[in-house]
Amino acid sequence: MWLEEAQGPPPRTWGSPWPSAALPAGDCPDRHPARHVPAPRQPPCSLEEFASRSTLHGIHHIFRHRRYTVRNLLWLLAFLGSLALLIHAYAKCVGLYFQYPHSTQLEEETEHNKIFPAVTICNLNPVRFSQLSGHDLYWAGEMLGLLDGAGRPLVPESPERSRLEALLGTLAVGEEEQSRPFHLEEFYERAGHQLDLGEMLVRCTFAKEDCNSSDFQTVSGQWWDIPGGREG
């Protein structure tokens, strides 16, 4: 006995729900039609909206949607005044910058035959305290600022004050000692700072050559000068 299989409905073919049109061979749409629709243009932002979103201090108090009052005018004057002061300060700084000559380029060049400049070495201390004597204090103590008019020490509490008081003990000299002549030039040569003893000039080098105290000439007991114009 032959049985026939039950036949159902034919299979449904799923296609695109949108109507399609035949395109020539090799032509395909590269964009979706909806992308060609221009976006709606936003209306320009008003001055009040810009001021409400701005972080600039005080500007949101000037421009508001509501009615303008005297308060807005005061804020406007304060804002313009601050802006004017800022511009004035920056303009003044720029003017000071261009007032003096300046260089924006730096070049280094080695010069072998250098001309030594005039150099002066000074010591603000007039004399060496360790070389003072009672006779020196008697005649030059007030001049050096170590004693006042009454012969009292002016040095503050320090180790030098104790030495000064010890020297003052030898100051009780007789009339013969007081009448002993005092030579200021000899005093500075003896008690002044000596360049050749290594007290003033620690190290001297110019153009890779060593220099010493013989290259200096004494101007006074406190100043030593190297004449300029010599080739090194």
Protein backbone atom coordinates (compact mmCIF):
# COMPACT_ATOMS: atom_id res chain seq x y z
CA MET A 1 0.00 0.00 0.00
CA TRP A 2 1.40 3.27 -0.95
CA LEU A 3 0.92 6.27 1.39
CA GLU A 4 1.28 9.79 0.22
CA GLU A 5 3.08 12.18 2.54
CA ALA A 6 1.10 15.13 3.68
CA GLN A 7 2.28 18.19 1.90
CA GLY A 8 2.22 21.45 3.79
CA PRO A 9 2.21 24.96 2.40
CA PRO A 10 5.17 25.98 0.32
CA PRO A 11 8.09 27.59 2.26
CA ARG A 12 7.84 31.36 2.64
CA THR A 13 10.67 33.44 1.32
CA TRP A 14 11.67 36.41 3.50
CA GLY A 15 12.57 39.52 1.62
CA SER A 16 13.11 43.17 2.43
CA PRO A 17 9.96 44.91 3.67
CA TRP A 18 10.97 48.01 1.72
CA PRO A 19 10.34 48.24 -1.99
CA SER A 20 13.49 47.78 -3.96
CA ALA A 21 14.36 49.04 -7.35
CA ALA A 22 16.61 47.47 -9.88
CA LEU A 23 20.04 49.05 -10.04
CA PRO A 24 22.45 48.81 -12.89
CA ALA A 25 25.31 46.41 -12.46
CA GLY A 26 28.12 47.88 -10.38
CA ASP A 27 26.02 50.72 -8.88
CA CYS A 28 25.37 50.52 -5.12
CA PRO A 29 24.15 53.24 -2.80
CA ASP A 30 27.04 54.28 -0.56
CA ARG A 31 24.99 56.22 1.97
CA HIS A 32 21.74 55.79 3.70
CA PRO A 33 19.11 58.14 2.37
CA ALA A 34 18.46 59.43 5.87
CA ARG A 35 22.02 60.72 6.21
CA HIS A 36 21.47 63.25 3.48
CA VAL A 37 18.93 65.07 5.56
CA PRO A 38 20.60 68.23 7.00
CA ALA A 39 20.51 68.62 10.77
CA PRO A 40 18.34 71.40 12.09
CA ARG A 41 20.33 74.58 12.71
CA GLN A 42 20.60 75.76 16.29
CA PRO A 43 19.62 79.35 16.92
CA PRO A 44 22.54 81.58 17.98
CA CYS A 45 23.15 81.79 21.71
CA SER A 46 22.01 85.05 23.25
CA LEU A 47 24.30 87.26 25.29
CA GLU A 48 22.38 86.46 28.46
CA GLU A 49 22.77 82.71 27.94
CA PHE A 50 26.48 83.10 27.23
CA ALA A 51 26.95 85.16 30.40
CA SER A 52 25.07 82.61 32.50
CA ARG A 53 27.35 79.80 31.28
CA SER A 54 30.61 81.74 31.38
CA THR A 55 33.06 81.26 34.26
CA LEU A 56 34.40 84.80 33.91
CA HIS A 57 33.93 86.44 37.28
CA GLY A 58 31.15 89.00 37.44
CA ILE A 59 29.91 88.75 33.88
CA HIS A 60 26.76 86.83 34.84
CA HIS A 61 25.79 89.75 37.08
CA ILE A 62 25.91 92.15 34.13
CA PHE A 63 23.77 90.40 31.53
CA ARG A 64 20.52 88.85 32.72
CA HIS A 65 17.22 87.89 31.15
CA ARG A 66 15.26 90.08 33.46
CA ARG A 67 15.12 93.84 33.54
CA TYR A 68 18.39 95.71 33.92
CA THR A 69 18.85 97.68 37.13
CA VAL A 70 21.44 99.94 38.75
CA ARG A 71 23.10 96.83 40.14
CA ASN A 72 23.89 95.63 36.64
CA LEU A 73 25.38 99.03 35.84
CA LEU A 74 27.60 98.91 38.94
CA TRP A 75 28.79 95.42 38.02
CA LEU A 76 29.53 96.65 34.49
CA LEU A 77 31.59 99.56 35.81
CA ALA A 78 33.48 97.27 38.20
CA PHE A 79 34.17 94.79 35.40
CA LEU A 80 35.39 97.45 32.98
CA GLY A 81 37.52 99.06 35.70
CA SER A 82 39.18 95.75 36.57
CA LEU A 83 39.76 95.03 32.89
CA ALA A 84 41.30 98.48 32.41
CA LEU A 85 43.64 97.98 35.39
CA LEU A 86 44.67 94.58 34.03
CA ILE A 87 45.43 95.99 30.59
CA HIS A 88 47.34 98.89 32.16
CA ALA A 89 49.46 96.52 34.28
CA TYR A 90 50.26 94.29 31.31
CA ALA A 91 51.07 97.29 29.13
CA LYS A 92 53.39 98.63 31.83
CA CYS A 93 55.19 95.29 32.12
CA VAL A 94 55.62 95.08 28.36
CA GLY A 95 56.92 98.66 28.31
CA LEU A 96 59.46 97.88 31.02
CA TYR A 97 60.55 94.78 29.13
CA PHE A 98 61.27 96.70 25.93
CA GLN A 99 62.81 99.62 27.82
CA TYR A 100 66.15 97.86 28.28
CA PRO A 101 68.18 96.12 25.58
CA HIS A 102 67.86 92.38 25.64
CA SER A 103 69.34 89.49 23.76
CA THR A 104 67.43 86.44 22.65
CA GLN A 105 70.44 84.58 21.27
CA LEU A 106 73.45 83.32 23.17
CA GLU A 107 76.67 82.33 21.47
CA GLU A 108 79.78 80.95 23.15
CA GLU A 109 83.15 81.54 21.57
CA THR A 110 86.56 80.65 22.93
CA GLU A 111 89.11 83.43 22.65
CA HIS A 112 92.73 82.50 23.21
CA ASN A 113 94.43 85.91 23.42
CA LYS A 114 92.32 87.47 26.13
CA ILE A 115 92.90 90.91 27.54
CA PHE A 116 92.79 90.79 31.31
CA PRO A 117 90.27 93.26 32.75
CA ALA A 118 90.97 95.56 35.67
CA VAL A 119 90.03 93.68 38.85
CA THR A 120 89.96 95.25 42.30
CA ILE A 121 89.88 93.18 45.50
CA CYS A 122 88.59 95.01 48.55
CA ASN A 123 88.13 94.00 52.17
CA LEU A 124 85.50 95.82 54.17
CA ASN A 125 87.33 94.97 57.37
CA PRO A 126 89.95 97.71 57.72
CA VAL A 127 92.45 95.76 59.84
CA ARG A 128 93.05 92.32 61.27
CA PHE A 129 91.71 92.23 64.80
CA SER A 130 94.38 89.75 65.87
CA GLN A 131 97.13 92.28 65.05
CA LEU A 132 95.81 95.12 67.18
CA SER A 133 97.66 96.31 70.26
CA GLY A 134 96.73 98.53 73.15
CA HIS A 135 98.65 101.38 71.57
CA ASP A 136 96.66 100.90 68.35
CA LEU A 137 93.38 100.99 70.25
CA TYR A 138 94.40 104.13 72.08
CA TRP A 139 94.98 106.03 68.87
CA ALA A 140 92.71 104.32 66.32
CA GLY A 141 90.05 102.53 68.41
CA GLU A 142 87.44 105.22 67.94
CA MET A 143 88.32 105.64 64.27
CA LEU A 144 87.85 101.90 63.68
CA GLY A 145 84.48 101.92 65.46
CA LEU A 146 85.71 99.66 68.26
CA LEU A 147 85.57 102.24 71.06
CA ASP A 148 83.25 105.11 71.82
CA GLY A 149 84.36 108.57 72.86
CA ALA A 150 84.74 107.45 76.48
CA GLY A 151 86.94 104.48 75.57
CA ARG A 152 84.23 101.82 76.09
CA PRO A 153 84.05 98.88 73.66
CA LEU A 154 81.34 98.94 71.00
CA VAL A 155 81.75 95.31 69.90
CA PRO A 156 78.67 93.19 70.83
CA GLU A 157 78.93 90.11 73.01
CA SER A 158 81.27 87.81 71.09
CA PRO A 159 84.73 86.22 71.41
CA GLU A 160 86.12 89.43 69.91
CA ARG A 161 84.69 91.43 72.78
CA SER A 162 86.66 89.40 75.34
CA ARG A 163 89.84 89.97 73.34
CA LEU A 164 89.03 93.65 73.07
CA GLU A 165 88.56 93.90 76.83
CA ALA A 166 91.91 92.16 77.30
CA LEU A 167 93.49 94.73 75.01
CA LEU A 168 91.82 97.48 76.96
CA GLY A 169 93.69 96.22 80.01
CA THR A 170 96.91 97.25 78.32
CA LEU A 171 95.39 100.58 77.46
CA ALA A 172 96.23 102.01 80.87
CA VAL A 173 99.49 103.41 79.64
CA GLY A 174 101.41 106.29 81.03
CA GLU A 175 102.01 109.63 79.46
CA GLU A 176 105.22 108.40 77.92
CA GLU A 177 103.39 105.56 76.14
CA GLN A 178 100.65 107.90 75.03
CA SER A 179 103.16 110.32 73.63
CA ARG A 180 104.76 107.60 71.51
CA PRO A 181 104.15 108.54 67.85
CA PHE A 182 101.50 106.70 65.88
CA HIS A 183 101.99 106.27 62.15
CA LEU A 184 98.82 105.43 60.26
CA GLU A 185 100.66 104.07 57.21
CA GLU A 186 102.77 101.77 59.37
CA PHE A 187 99.62 100.73 61.23
CA TYR A 188 97.82 99.64 58.04
CA GLU A 189 100.90 97.88 56.67
CA ARG A 190 101.24 95.91 59.89
CA ALA A 191 97.63 95.28 60.90
CA GLY A 192 95.96 95.43 57.50
CA HIS A 193 95.08 92.36 55.47
CA GLN A 194 98.04 91.08 53.47
CA LEU A 195 97.42 89.76 49.99
CA ASP A 196 100.73 87.92 49.70
CA LEU A 197 100.16 85.88 52.87
CA GLY A 198 97.25 83.96 51.40
CA GLU A 199 94.63 85.69 53.53
CA MET A 200 92.90 87.57 50.74
CA LEU A 201 93.75 85.68 47.56
CA VAL A 202 92.83 82.01 47.88
CA ARG A 203 93.17 80.96 44.25
CA CYS A 204 93.63 82.86 41.00
CA THR A 205 93.42 81.42 37.48
CA PHE A 206 93.03 83.24 34.18
CA ALA A 207 93.14 81.64 30.72
CA LYS A 208 94.25 78.35 32.29
CA GLU A 209 97.25 80.07 33.88
CA ASP A 210 97.79 80.62 37.59
CA CYS A 211 98.19 84.11 38.97
CA ASN A 212 99.44 85.18 42.40
CA SER A 213 99.84 88.24 44.55
CA SER A 214 102.75 89.51 42.42
CA ASP A 215 100.26 90.24 39.63
CA PHE A 216 98.51 92.74 41.88
CA GLN A 217 99.65 96.19 42.88
CA THR A 218 98.63 97.76 46.16
CA VAL A 219 96.42 100.82 45.96
CA SER A 220 96.04 101.20 49.72
CA GLY A 221 96.00 99.01 52.78
CA GLN A 222 92.62 97.60 51.81
CA TRP A 223 92.50 97.59 48.00
CA TRP A 224 94.59 95.68 45.48
CA ASP A 225 94.24 96.18 41.78
CA ILE A 226 95.28 94.25 38.67
CA PRO A 227 95.86 96.71 35.82
CA GLY A 228 93.70 95.98 32.83
CA GLY A 229 94.78 95.76 29.22
CA ARG A 230 97.39 93.06 29.60
CA GLU A 231 97.22 90.15 27.20
CA GLY A 232 96.93 86.76 28.82
